[in-house]
PDB file of N, CA and C in Angstrom:
ATOM      1  N   UNK A   1     -33.125  47.625  40.108  1.00  0.00           N
ATOM      2  CA  UNK A   1     -31.835  47.999  39.769  1.00  0.00           C
ATOM      3  C   UNK A   1     -31.928  48.187  38.082  1.00  0.00           C
ATOM      4  N   UNK A   2     -31.610  49.355  37.692  1.00  0.00           N
ATOM      5  CA  UNK A   2     -31.936  49.669  36.741  1.00  0.00           C
ATOM      6  C   UNK A   2     -30.438  49.722  35.895  1.00  0.00           C
ATOM      7  N   UNK A   3     -30.350  48.379  35.267  1.00  0.00           N
ATOM      8  CA  UNK A   3     -28.610  48.285  34.459  1.00  0.00           C
ATOM      9  C   UNK A   3     -28.681  48.611  33.167  1.00  0.00           C
ATOM     10  N   UNK A   4     -27.776  49.491  32.684  1.00  0.00           N
ATOM     11  CA  UNK A   4     -27.937  49.800  31.130  1.00  0.00           C
ATOM     12  C   UNK A   4     -26.678  49.453  30.292  1.00  0.00           C
ATOM     13  N   UNK A   5     -26.730  49.343  29.187  1.00  0.00           N
ATOM     14  CA  UNK A   5     -25.902  48.986  28.179  1.00  0.00           C
ATOM     15  C   UNK A   5     -24.668  49.716  28.450  1.00  0.00           C
ATOM     16  N   UNK A   6     -23.101  48.859  28.715  1.00  0.00           N
ATOM     17  CA  UNK A   6     -22.365  49.672  29.040  1.00  0.00           C
ATOM     18  C   UNK A   6     -22.267  49.642  30.846  1.00  0.00           C
ATOM     19  N   UNK A   7     -22.770  49.224  31.310  1.00  0.00           N
ATOM     20  CA  UNK A   7     -22.822  49.513  32.860  1.00  0.00           C
ATOM     21  C   UNK A   7     -21.664  48.218  33.571  1.00  0.00           C
ATOM     22  N   UNK A   8     -20.907  48.621  34.099  1.00  0.00           N
ATOM     23  CA  UNK A   8     -19.853  48.136  34.919  1.00  0.00           C
ATOM     24  C   UNK A   8     -20.146  47.301  36.341  1.00  0.00           C
ATOM     25  N   UNK A   9     -20.229  45.934  36.146  1.00  0.00           N
ATOM     26  CA  UNK A   9     -20.675  45.195  37.310  1.00  0.00           C
ATOM     27  C   UNK A   9     -19.878  43.907  37.827  1.00  0.00           C
ATOM     28  N   UNK A  10     -20.045  43.674  39.175  1.00  0.00           N
ATOM     29  CA  UNK A  10     -19.645  42.192  39.848  1.00  0.00           C
ATOM     30  C   UNK A  10     -20.433  41.349  39.690  1.00  0.00           C
ATOM     31  N   UNK A  11     -19.783  40.026  39.814  1.00  0.00           N
ATOM     32  CA  UNK A  11     -20.871  38.467  39.490  1.00  0.00           C
ATOM     33  C   UNK A  11     -19.736  37.428  40.243  1.00  0.00           C
ATOM     34  N   UNK A  12     -20.639  36.602  40.732  1.00  0.00           N
ATOM     35  CA  UNK A  12     -19.122  35.406  41.032  1.00  0.00           C
ATOM     36  C   UNK A  12     -19.167  34.258  39.423  1.00  0.00           C
ATOM     37  N   UNK A  13     -18.202  33.846  39.824  1.00  0.00           N
ATOM     38  CA  UNK A  13     -18.472  32.769  38.721  1.00  0.00           C
ATOM     39  C   UNK A  13     -19.451  31.879  38.504  1.00  0.00           C
ATOM     40  N   UNK A  14     -20.405  31.455  39.998  1.00  0.00           N
ATOM     41  CA  UNK A  14     -21.175  30.526  39.997  1.00  0.00           C
ATOM     42  C   UNK A  14     -22.159  30.660  39.386  1.00  0.00           C
ATOM     43  N   UNK A  15     -22.387  32.061  39.238  1.00  0.00           N
ATOM     44  CA  UNK A  15     -23.637  32.878  38.607  1.00  0.00           C
ATOM     45  C   UNK A  15     -23.963  32.631  37.144  1.00  0.00           C
ATOM     46  N   UNK A  16     -22.896  32.282  36.579  1.00  0.00           N
ATOM     47  CA  UNK A  16     -22.694  32.414  35.094  1.00  0.00           C
ATOM     48  C   UNK A  16     -23.931  31.012  34.574  1.00  0.00           C
ATOM     49  N   UNK A  17     -25.038  31.392  33.745  1.00  0.00           N
ATOM     50  CA  UNK A  17     -26.003  30.458  33.298  1.00  0.00           C
ATOM     51  C   UNK A  17     -25.331  29.679  32.237  1.00  0.00           C
ATOM     52  N   UNK A  18     -25.894  28.239  32.451  1.00  0.00           N
ATOM     53  CA  UNK A  18     -25.442  27.397  31.488  1.00  0.00           C
ATOM     54  C   UNK A  18     -26.590  26.474  30.791  1.00  0.00           C
ATOM     55  N   UNK A  19     -27.342  26.041  29.518  1.00  0.00           N
ATOM     56  CA  UNK A  19     -28.038  25.353  29.376  1.00  0.00           C
ATOM     57  C   UNK A  19     -27.650  23.732  29.767  1.00  0.00           C
ATOM     58  N   UNK A  20     -28.691  23.292  30.553  1.00  0.00           N
ATOM     59  CA  UNK A  20     -28.765  22.030  30.733  1.00  0.00           C
ATOM     60  C   UNK A  20     -29.940  20.746  30.248  1.00  0.00           C
ATOM     61  N   UNK A  21     -29.603  19.727  29.787  1.00  0.00           N
ATOM     62  CA  UNK A  21     -30.168  19.124  28.967  1.00  0.00           C
ATOM     63  C   UNK A  21     -30.679  17.944  29.936  1.00  0.00           C
ATOM     64  N   UNK A  22     -32.247  17.952  30.686  1.00  0.00           N
ATOM     65  CA  UNK A  22     -32.484  16.833  31.513  1.00  0.00           C
ATOM     66  C   UNK A  22     -33.162  15.616  31.068  1.00  0.00           C
ATOM     67  N   UNK A  23     -33.561  15.035  31.541  1.00  0.00           N
ATOM     68  CA  UNK A  23     -34.176  13.760  31.569  1.00  0.00           C
ATOM     69  C   UNK A  23     -35.606  14.266  31.094  1.00  0.00           C
ATOM     70  N   UNK A  24     -36.481  13.613  30.135  1.00  0.00           N
ATOM     71  CA  UNK A  24     -38.161  13.840  29.740  1.00  0.00           C
ATOM     72  C   UNK A  24     -37.591  15.032  28.627  1.00  0.00           C
ATOM     73  N   UNK A  25     -36.865  14.968  27.879  1.00  0.00           N
ATOM     74  CA  UNK A  25     -36.326  15.969  26.643  1.00  0.00           C
ATOM     75  C   UNK A  25     -36.591  17.506  27.329  1.00  0.00           C
ATOM     76  N   UNK A  26     -36.518  17.826  28.476  1.00  0.00           N
ATOM     77  CA  UNK A  26     -36.274  19.094  28.954  1.00  0.00           C
ATOM     78  C   UNK A  26     -35.457  19.674  28.909  1.00  0.00           C
ATOM     79  N   UNK A  27     -35.100  21.225  28.634  1.00  0.00           N
ATOM     80  CA  UNK A  27     -33.888  22.095  28.704  1.00  0.00           C
ATOM     81  C   UNK A  27     -34.285  22.875  29.793  1.00  0.00           C
ATOM     82  N   UNK A  28     -33.331  23.368  30.389  1.00  0.00           N
ATOM     83  CA  UNK A  28     -32.987  24.638  31.537  1.00  0.00           C
ATOM     84  C   UNK A  28     -31.819  25.453  31.294  1.00  0.00           C
ATOM     85  N   UNK A  29     -32.230  26.433  31.405  1.00  0.00           N
ATOM     86  CA  UNK A  29     -30.694  27.432  32.229  1.00  0.00           C
ATOM     87  C   UNK A  29     -30.960  27.526  33.524  1.00  0.00           C
ATOM     88  N   UNK A  30     -29.581  27.177  34.153  1.00  0.00           N
ATOM     89  CA  UNK A  30     -29.315  26.907  35.719  1.00  0.00           C
ATOM     90  C   UNK A  30     -27.788  27.750  35.838  1.00  0.00           C
ATOM     91  N   UNK A  31     -27.658  28.250  36.964  1.00  0.00           N
ATOM     92  CA  UNK A  31     -26.134  28.663  37.541  1.00  0.00           C
ATOM     93  C   UNK A  31     -25.302  27.567  37.556  1.00  0.00           C
ATOM     94  N   UNK A  32     -24.051  27.975  36.931  1.00  0.00           N
ATOM     95  CA  UNK A  32     -22.763  26.538  37.349  1.00  0.00           C
ATOM     96  C   UNK A  32     -23.094  26.244  38.617  1.00  0.00           C
ATOM     97  N   UNK A  33     -22.486  25.311  39.257  1.00  0.00           N
ATOM     98  CA  UNK A  33     -22.173  24.995  40.427  1.00  0.00           C
ATOM     99  C   UNK A  33     -20.810  24.774  41.084  1.00  0.00           C
ATOM    100  N   UNK A  34     -19.722  25.384  39.994  1.00  0.00           N
ATOM    101  CA  UNK A  34     -18.243  25.741  40.510  1.00  0.00           C
ATOM    102  C   UNK A  34     -18.333  26.828  40.281  1.00  0.00           C
ATOM    103  N   UNK A  35     -16.735  26.899  41.063  1.00  0.00           N
ATOM    104  CA  UNK A  35     -16.064  28.443  40.627  1.00  0.00           C
ATOM    105  C   UNK A  35     -16.621  29.646  41.600  1.00  0.00           C
ATOM    106  N   UNK A  36     -15.957  30.260  42.555  1.00  0.00           N
ATOM    107  CA  UNK A  36     -16.351  30.751  43.456  1.00  0.00           C
ATOM    108  C   UNK A  36     -15.284  32.589  43.173  1.00  0.00           C
ATOM    109  N   UNK A  37     -14.889  32.150  41.672  1.00  0.00           N
ATOM    110  CA  UNK A  37     -14.089  33.578  41.489  1.00  0.00           C
ATOM    111  C   UNK A  37     -14.819  34.753  41.026  1.00  0.00           C
ATOM    112  N   UNK A  38     -14.632  36.118  41.734  1.00  0.00           N
ATOM    113  CA  UNK A  38     -15.545  37.211  41.374  1.00  0.00           C
ATOM    114  C   UNK A  38     -14.379  37.581  39.771  1.00  0.00           C
ATOM    115  N   UNK A  39     -15.435  37.958  39.176  1.00  0.00           N
ATOM    116  CA  UNK A  39     -15.478  38.529  37.863  1.00  0.00           C
ATOM    117  C   UNK A  39     -16.358  40.088  37.984  1.00  0.00           C
ATOM    118  N   UNK A  40     -15.569  40.809  37.012  1.00  0.00           N
ATOM    119  CA  UNK A  40     -16.115  42.377  36.744  1.00  0.00           C
ATOM    120  C   UNK A  40     -15.904  42.704  35.119  1.00  0.00           C
ATOM    121  N   UNK A  41     -17.214  42.857  35.192  1.00  0.00           N
ATOM    122  CA  UNK A  41     -17.404  43.231  33.980  1.00  0.00           C
ATOM    123  C   UNK A  41     -18.241  44.006  33.489  1.00  0.00           C
ATOM    124  N   UNK A  42     -18.398  44.392  31.553  1.00  0.00           N
ATOM    125  CA  UNK A  42     -19.488  45.112  31.144  1.00  0.00           C
ATOM    126  C   UNK A  42     -20.632  44.638  30.927  1.00  0.00           C
ATOM    127  N   UNK A  43     -21.866  45.045  30.953  1.00  0.00           N
ATOM    128  CA  UNK A  43     -23.266  44.618  29.760  1.00  0.00           C
ATOM    129  C   UNK A  43     -23.357  45.127  28.867  1.00  0.00           C
ATOM    130  N   UNK A  44     -23.216  44.336  27.986  1.00  0.00           N
ATOM    131  CA  UNK A  44     -23.216  44.391  26.457  1.00  0.00           C
ATOM    132  C   UNK A  44     -24.516  44.080  26.038  1.00  0.00           C
ATOM    133  N   UNK A  45     -25.730  43.659  26.482  1.00  0.00           N
ATOM    134  CA  UNK A  45     -27.246  43.557  25.674  1.00  0.00           C
ATOM    135  C   UNK A  45     -27.443  42.322  26.865  1.00  0.00           C
ATOM    136  N   UNK A  46     -28.872  42.280  26.441  1.00  0.00           N
ATOM    137  CA  UNK A  46     -29.897  41.463  27.482  1.00  0.00           C
ATOM    138  C   UNK A  46     -30.734  40.256  26.306  1.00  0.00           C
ATOM    139  N   UNK A  47     -31.001  39.629  27.108  1.00  0.00           N
ATOM    140  CA  UNK A  47     -31.890  38.274  26.361  1.00  0.00           C
ATOM    141  C   UNK A  47     -32.723  37.926  27.003  1.00  0.00           C
ATOM    142  N   UNK A  48     -33.868  37.497  26.207  1.00  0.00           N
ATOM    143  CA  UNK A  48     -34.734  36.832  27.138  1.00  0.00           C
ATOM    144  C   UNK A  48     -34.778  34.980  26.350  1.00  0.00           C
ATOM    145  N   UNK A  49     -34.463  34.519  27.710  1.00  0.00           N
ATOM    146  CA  UNK A  49     -33.735  32.965  28.098  1.00  0.00           C
ATOM    147  C   UNK A  49     -35.174  32.121  28.219  1.00  0.00           C
ATOM    148  N   UNK A  50     -35.530  30.953  27.982  1.00  0.00           N
ATOM    149  CA  UNK A  50     -36.595  30.205  28.683  1.00  0.00           C
ATOM    150  C   UNK A  50     -36.273  28.980  28.245  1.00  0.00           C
ATOM    151  N   UNK A  51     -36.836  28.210  29.364  1.00  0.00           N
ATOM    152  CA  UNK A  51     -37.053  26.883  29.981  1.00  0.00           C
ATOM    153  C   UNK A  51     -38.439  25.882  29.161  1.00  0.00           C
ATOM    154  N   UNK A  52     -37.750  25.022  28.775  1.00  0.00           N
ATOM    155  CA  UNK A  52     -38.934  24.339  28.279  1.00  0.00           C
ATOM    156  C   UNK A  52     -38.875  22.698  27.779  1.00  0.00           C
ATOM    157  N   UNK A  53     -39.422  22.289  26.873  1.00  0.00           N
ATOM    158  CA  UNK A  53     -39.075  20.600  26.459  1.00  0.00           C
ATOM    159  C   UNK A  53     -39.174  20.572  24.967  1.00  0.00           C
ATOM    160  N   UNK A  54     -38.357  19.501  24.340  1.00  0.00           N
ATOM    161  CA  UNK A  54     -37.941  19.645  23.043  1.00  0.00           C
ATOM    162  C   UNK A  54     -38.963  18.202  22.736  1.00  0.00           C
ATOM    163  N   UNK A  55     -39.661  18.233  21.693  1.00  0.00           N
ATOM    164  CA  UNK A  55     -40.245  17.164  21.050  1.00  0.00           C
ATOM    165  C   UNK A  55     -39.320  16.955  19.380  1.00  0.00           C
ATOM    166  N   UNK A  56     -38.894  15.626  19.605  1.00  0.00           N
ATOM    167  CA  UNK A  56     -38.286  15.324  18.454  1.00  0.00           C
ATOM    168  C   UNK A  56     -39.255  14.528  17.445  1.00  0.00           C
ATOM    169  N   UNK A  57     -39.209  15.370  16.221  1.00  0.00           N
ATOM    170  CA  UNK A  57     -39.419  14.519  14.854  1.00  0.00           C
ATOM    171  C   UNK A  57     -39.334  12.863  15.085  1.00  0.00           C
ATOM    172  N   UNK A  58     -40.704  12.380  14.569  1.00  0.00           N
ATOM    173  CA  UNK A  58     -40.716  10.990  14.433  1.00  0.00           C
ATOM    174  C   UNK A  58     -40.015   9.898  12.998  1.00  0.00           C
ATOM    175  N   UNK A  59     -40.324  10.983  12.209  1.00  0.00           N
ATOM    176  CA  UNK A  59     -39.715  10.549  10.565  1.00  0.00           C
ATOM    177  C   UNK A  59     -39.005  11.746   9.810  1.00  0.00           C
ATOM    178  N   UNK A  60     -38.483  11.235   8.854  1.00  0.00           N
ATOM    179  CA  UNK A  60     -37.776  12.705   7.905  1.00  0.00           C
ATOM    180  C   UNK A  60     -38.316  13.879   7.764  1.00  0.00           C
ATOM    181  N   UNK A  61     -39.845  13.816   7.693  1.00  0.00           N
ATOM    182  CA  UNK A  61     -40.369  15.180   7.475  1.00  0.00           C
ATOM    183  C   UNK A  61     -40.524  15.924   8.559  1.00  0.00           C
ATOM    184  N   UNK A  62     -40.599  15.375   9.593  1.00  0.00           N
ATOM    185  CA  UNK A  62     -40.990  15.547  10.925  1.00  0.00           C
ATOM    186  C   UNK A  62     -39.653  16.388  11.669  1.00  0.00           C
ATOM    187  N   UNK A  63     -40.068  17.853  11.819  1.00  0.00           N
ATOM    188  CA  UNK A  63     -38.616  18.342  12.871  1.00  0.00           C
ATOM    189  C   UNK A  63     -38.987  18.109  13.924  1.00  0.00           C
ATOM    190  N   UNK A  64     -37.488  18.857  14.571  1.00  0.00           N
ATOM    191  CA  UNK A  64     -37.819  18.681  16.139  1.00  0.00           C
ATOM    192  C   UNK A  64     -38.577  20.359  16.753  1.00  0.00           C
ATOM    193  N   UNK A  65     -38.880  20.186  17.677  1.00  0.00           N
ATOM    194  CA  UNK A  65     -40.038  21.506  18.330  1.00  0.00           C
ATOM    195  C   UNK A  65     -39.823  21.514  19.795  1.00  0.00           C
ATOM    196  N   UNK A  66     -39.570  23.021  20.175  1.00  0.00           N
ATOM    197  CA  UNK A  66     -39.081  23.075  21.223  1.00  0.00           C
ATOM    198  C   UNK A  66     -40.291  24.085  21.857  1.00  0.00           C
ATOM    199  N   UNK A  67     -40.883  23.598  23.302  1.00  0.00           N
ATOM    200  CA  UNK A  67     -42.386  24.163  23.944  1.00  0.00           C
ATOM    201  C   UNK A  67     -41.568  24.903  25.015  1.00  0.00           C
ATOM    202  N   UNK A  68     -41.612  26.401  24.964  1.00  0.00           N
ATOM    203  CA  UNK A  68     -40.958  26.747  26.317  1.00  0.00           C
ATOM    204  C   UNK A  68     -42.113  26.727  27.424  1.00  0.00           C
ATOM    205  N   UNK A  69     -41.473  26.739  28.289  1.00  0.00           N
ATOM    206  CA  UNK A  69     -42.724  26.883  29.877  1.00  0.00           C
ATOM    207  C   UNK A  69     -42.664  27.709  30.450  1.00  0.00           C
ATOM    208  N   UNK A  70     -41.248  28.712  30.156  1.00  0.00           N
ATOM    209  CA  UNK A  70     -41.091  30.153  30.820  1.00  0.00           C
ATOM    210  C   UNK A  70     -40.168  30.903  30.332  1.00  0.00           C
ATOM    211  N   UNK A  71     -40.371  32.030  30.617  1.00  0.00           N
ATOM    212  CA  UNK A  71     -39.060  32.820  29.950  1.00  0.00           C
ATOM    213  C   UNK A  71     -38.527  33.845  30.960  1.00  0.00           C
ATOM    214  N   UNK A  72     -37.546  34.197  31.005  1.00  0.00           N
ATOM    215  CA  UNK A  72     -37.064  35.349  31.441  1.00  0.00           C
ATOM    216  C   UNK A  72     -36.207  35.902  31.096  1.00  0.00           C
ATOM    217  N   UNK A  73     -35.520  37.065  31.623  1.00  0.00           N
ATOM    218  CA  UNK A  73     -34.572  37.951  31.423  1.00  0.00           C
ATOM    219  C   UNK A  73     -33.260  37.741  31.878  1.00  0.00           C
ATOM    220  N   UNK A  74     -32.299  37.909  31.162  1.00  0.00           N
ATOM    221  CA  UNK A  74     -30.794  37.609  31.523  1.00  0.00           C
ATOM    222  C   UNK A  74     -29.810  38.681  30.579  1.00  0.00           C
ATOM    223  N   UNK A  75     -28.737  39.506  31.466  1.00  0.00           N
ATOM    224  CA  UNK A  75     -27.938  40.039  30.904  1.00  0.00           C
ATOM    225  C   UNK A  75     -26.621  39.465  30.285  1.00  0.00           C
ATOM    226  N   UNK A  76     -26.157  39.943  29.139  1.00  0.00           N
ATOM    227  CA  UNK A  76     -25.007  39.223  28.253  1.00  0.00           C
ATOM    228  C   UNK A  76     -23.643  40.127  29.068  1.00  0.00           C
ATOM    229  N   UNK A  77     -23.017  39.450  29.534  1.00  0.00           N
ATOM    230  CA  UNK A  77     -21.717  40.473  30.113  1.00  0.00           C
ATOM    231  C   UNK A  77     -20.786  39.448  29.412  1.00  0.00           C
ATOM    232  N   UNK A  78     -19.747  41.016  28.969  1.00  0.00           N
ATOM    233  CA  UNK A  78     -18.408  40.821  28.741  1.00  0.00           C
ATOM    234  C   UNK A  78     -17.505  40.662  29.935  1.00  0.00           C
ATOM    235  N   UNK A  79     -16.714  39.841  30.478  1.00  0.00           N
ATOM    236  CA  UNK A  79     -15.620  40.032  31.402  1.00  0.00           C
ATOM    237  C   UNK A  79     -14.337  39.513  30.864  1.00  0.00           C
ATOM    238  N   UNK A  80     -13.890  39.378  30.053  1.00  0.00           N
ATOM    239  CA  UNK A  80     -12.394  38.857  29.573  1.00  0.00           C
ATOM    240  C   UNK A  80     -12.641  39.060  27.735  1.00  0.00           C
ATOM    241  N   UNK A  81     -11.398  39.258  27.216  1.00  0.00           N
ATOM    242  CA  UNK A  81     -11.163  39.491  25.981  1.00  0.00           C
ATOM    243  C   UNK A  81     -11.100  38.071  25.212  1.00  0.00           C
ATOM    244  N   UNK A  82     -10.568  37.279  26.005  1.00  0.00           N
ATOM    245  CA  UNK A  82     -10.457  35.997  24.985  1.00  0.00           C
ATOM    246  C   UNK A  82     -11.748  34.677  25.580  1.00  0.00           C
ATOM    247  N   UNK A  83     -12.568  35.242  25.963  1.00  0.00           N
ATOM    248  CA  UNK A  83     -13.617  34.157  26.297  1.00  0.00           C
ATOM    249  C   UNK A  83     -14.976  34.837  25.645  1.00  0.00           C
ATOM    250  N   UNK A  84     -15.856  34.034  25.394  1.00  0.00           N
ATOM    251  CA  UNK A  84     -17.171  34.656  25.016  1.00  0.00           C
ATOM    252  C   UNK A  84     -17.911  35.232  26.164  1.00  0.00           C
ATOM    253  N   UNK A  85     -18.771  35.900  25.641  1.00  0.00           N
ATOM    254  CA  UNK A  85     -19.935  36.611  26.995  1.00  0.00           C
ATOM    255  C   UNK A  85     -20.790  35.694  27.575  1.00  0.00           C
ATOM    256  N   UNK A  86     -21.126  36.000  28.466  1.00  0.00           N
ATOM    257  CA  UNK A  86     -22.056  34.869  29.260  1.00  0.00           C
ATOM    258  C   UNK A  86     -23.057  35.536  29.831  1.00  0.00           C
ATOM    259  N   UNK A  87     -24.120  34.410  30.387  1.00  0.00           N
ATOM    260  CA  UNK A  87     -25.411  34.832  30.716  1.00  0.00           C
ATOM    261  C   UNK A  87     -25.440  34.939  32.087  1.00  0.00           C
ATOM    262  N   UNK A  88     -26.040  36.013  32.507  1.00  0.00           N
ATOM    263  CA  UNK A  88     -26.129  36.543  34.210  1.00  0.00           C
ATOM    264  C   UNK A  88     -27.323  37.118  34.309  1.00  0.00           C
ATOM    265  N   UNK A  89     -28.224  36.527  35.562  1.00  0.00           N
ATOM    266  CA  UNK A  89     -29.638  37.065  35.809  1.00  0.00           C
ATOM    267  C   UNK A  89     -29.288  38.470  36.530  1.00  0.00           C
ATOM    268  N   UNK A  90     -30.193  39.263  36.450  1.00  0.00           N
ATOM    269  CA  UNK A  90     -29.792  40.957  36.826  1.00  0.00           C
ATOM    270  C   UNK A  90     -29.789  40.463  38.341  1.00  0.00           C
ATOM    271  N   UNK A  91     -30.702  39.465  39.175  1.00  0.00           N
ATOM    272  CA  UNK A  91     -30.490  39.552  40.511  1.00  0.00           C
ATOM    273  C   UNK A  91     -28.721  39.163  41.153  1.00  0.00           C
ATOM    274  N   UNK A  92     -28.361  38.627  40.245  1.00  0.00           N
ATOM    275  CA  UNK A  92     -26.617  38.228  40.843  1.00  0.00           C
ATOM    276  C   UNK A  92     -26.122  39.024  40.172  1.00  0.00           C
ATOM    277  N   UNK A  93     -25.894  40.606  39.986  1.00  0.00           N
ATOM    278  CA  UNK A  93     -25.481  41.673  39.200  1.00  0.00           C
ATOM    279  C   UNK A  93     -25.164  42.446  40.163  1.00  0.00           C
ATOM    280  N   UNK A  94     -23.857  43.145  40.608  1.00  0.00           N
ATOM    281  CA  UNK A  94     -23.785  43.940  41.394  1.00  0.00           C
ATOM    282  C   UNK A  94     -23.137  44.850  40.570  1.00  0.00           C
ATOM    283  N   UNK A  95     -23.828  46.391  40.883  1.00  0.00           N
ATOM    284  CA  UNK A  95     -23.355  47.547  39.849  1.00  0.00           C
ATOM    285  C   UNK A  95     -22.209  48.107  40.404  1.00  0.00           C
ATOM    286  N   UNK A  96     -21.123  48.437  39.641  1.00  0.00           N
ATOM    287  CA  UNK A  96     -20.327  49.479  40.030  1.00  0.00           C
ATOM    288  C   UNK A  96     -20.331  50.583  39.741  1.00  0.00           C
ATOM    289  N   UNK A  97     -20.322  51.668  40.727  1.00  0.00           N
ATOM    290  CA  UNK A  97     -20.491  53.442  40.302  1.00  0.00           C
ATOM    291  C   UNK A  97     -19.301  53.725  39.970  1.00  0.00           C
TER     292      UNK A  97
END
């Protein structure tokens, strides 16, 4: 599926990606677990997202550090004029002709 900028798409609300903060300082992008509403939107961009681990600095001079363990592509979809754009995986989008 070759989705391009401006393509119209359908997707379930439960396929919208949200960033989770897990135990052990892990960060992960995962689909929401609620909502079965169908949305129609337009692709307005794409991003490379990453899952990984955060290491926090131990003193005032040491900063926090994010170390990615996995990279993947997600599309940025606009589906409502009053809501922010959302991230959706390519396999969760259905293109509308």
